[in-house]
Amino acid sequence: MARTLEPLTKKIFKGILVAELVGLFGAYFLFSKMHTSQDFRQTMSKKYPFILEVYYKSTEKSGMYGIRELDQKTWLNSKN
């Protein structure tokens, strides 16, 4: 019985590992894109504000302050 479950267990483990890696690279790509593009952050603020809030909080925790304020100032000036 244990021998028949072994290939299935390996497939499940590989599937979980691949899903974790895809999620990790996706999160890195999203953070990188938000970190380098103010336009992308503005798009995110309209579509997914909760994700942008996580970005702002993570950058503030890492010691990079002022990104949120700069974005708000720029977006406010562009409306006027």
Protein backbone atom coordinates (compact mmCIF):
# COMPACT_ATOMS: atom_id res chain seq x y z
CA MET A 1 0.00 0.00 0.00
CA ALA A 2 2.80 2.43 0.88
CA ARG A 3 4.50 1.79 -2.44
CA THR A 4 1.42 2.80 -4.45
CA LEU A 5 1.04 6.10 -2.59
CA GLU A 6 4.68 7.10 -3.08
CA PRO A 7 4.36 8.36 -6.70
CA LEU A 8 1.14 10.20 -5.83
CA THR A 9 2.80 11.85 -2.83
CA LYS A 10 5.73 12.98 -4.97
CA LYS A 11 3.37 14.47 -7.58
CA ILE A 12 1.42 16.34 -4.91
CA PHE A 13 4.62 17.64 -3.33
CA LYS A 14 5.94 18.81 -6.71
CA GLY A 15 2.62 20.52 -7.45
CA ILE A 16 2.69 22.35 -4.13
CA LEU A 17 6.31 23.35 -4.67
CA VAL A 18 5.58 24.71 -8.14
CA ALA A 19 2.56 26.64 -6.82
CA GLU A 20 4.72 28.17 -4.06
CA LEU A 21 7.42 29.21 -6.54
CA VAL A 22 4.88 30.75 -8.92
CA GLY A 23 3.38 32.69 -6.02
CA LEU A 24 6.80 33.86 -4.84
CA PHE A 25 7.87 35.08 -8.28
CA GLY A 26 4.46 36.68 -8.84
CA ALA A 27 4.73 38.61 -5.57
CA TYR A 28 8.27 39.71 -6.43
CA PHE A 29 7.19 40.87 -9.90
CA LEU A 30 4.23 42.79 -8.47
CA PHE A 31 6.38 44.47 -5.80
CA SER A 32 9.07 45.33 -8.34
CA LYS A 33 6.52 46.81 -10.75
CA MET A 34 4.90 48.89 -8.00
CA HIS A 35 8.28 50.04 -6.72
CA THR A 36 9.43 51.34 -10.11
CA SER A 37 6.23 52.73 -11.65
CA GLN A 38 4.09 55.44 -10.10
CA ASP A 39 1.55 55.00 -12.91
CA PHE A 40 1.19 51.32 -12.00
CA ARG A 41 0.66 52.28 -8.35
CA GLN A 42 -2.09 54.66 -9.45
CA THR A 43 -3.75 51.86 -11.41
CA MET A 44 -3.46 49.61 -8.37
CA SER A 45 -5.02 52.30 -6.16
CA LYS A 46 -8.09 52.29 -8.39
CA LYS A 47 -8.44 48.55 -8.91
CA TYR A 48 -6.84 46.92 -5.85
CA PRO A 49 -6.33 49.48 -3.06
CA PHE A 50 -5.76 46.79 -0.43
CA ILE A 51 -2.71 45.47 -2.33
CA LEU A 52 -1.30 48.99 -2.63
CA GLU A 53 -1.79 49.44 1.13
CA VAL A 54 0.27 46.29 1.75
CA TYR A 55 2.98 47.72 -0.53
CA TYR A 56 3.03 51.03 1.36
CA LYS A 57 3.17 49.33 4.74
CA SER A 58 5.96 46.96 3.70
CA THR A 59 8.11 49.79 2.34
CA GLU A 60 7.51 51.87 5.46
CA LYS A 61 8.49 48.92 7.67
CA SER A 62 11.71 48.53 5.69
CA GLY A 63 12.57 52.19 6.34
CA MET A 64 11.58 53.79 3.03
CA TYR A 65 9.25 56.63 3.96
CA GLY A 66 7.53 59.18 1.77
CA ILE A 67 6.36 57.07 -1.16
CA ARG A 68 2.71 57.26 -0.15
CA GLU A 69 2.87 61.02 0.39
CA LEU A 70 4.66 61.60 -2.91
CA ASP A 71 2.05 59.54 -4.76
CA GLN A 72 -0.85 61.38 -3.14
CA LYS A 73 0.73 64.76 -3.88
CA THR A 74 1.41 63.84 -7.52
CA TRP A 75 -2.07 62.40 -8.09
CA LEU A 76 -3.72 65.41 -6.47
CA ASN A 77 -1.71 67.82 -8.65
CA SER A 78 -2.56 65.84 -11.80
CA LYS A 79 -6.29 66.20 -11.07
CA ASN A 80 -6.02 70.00 -10.88
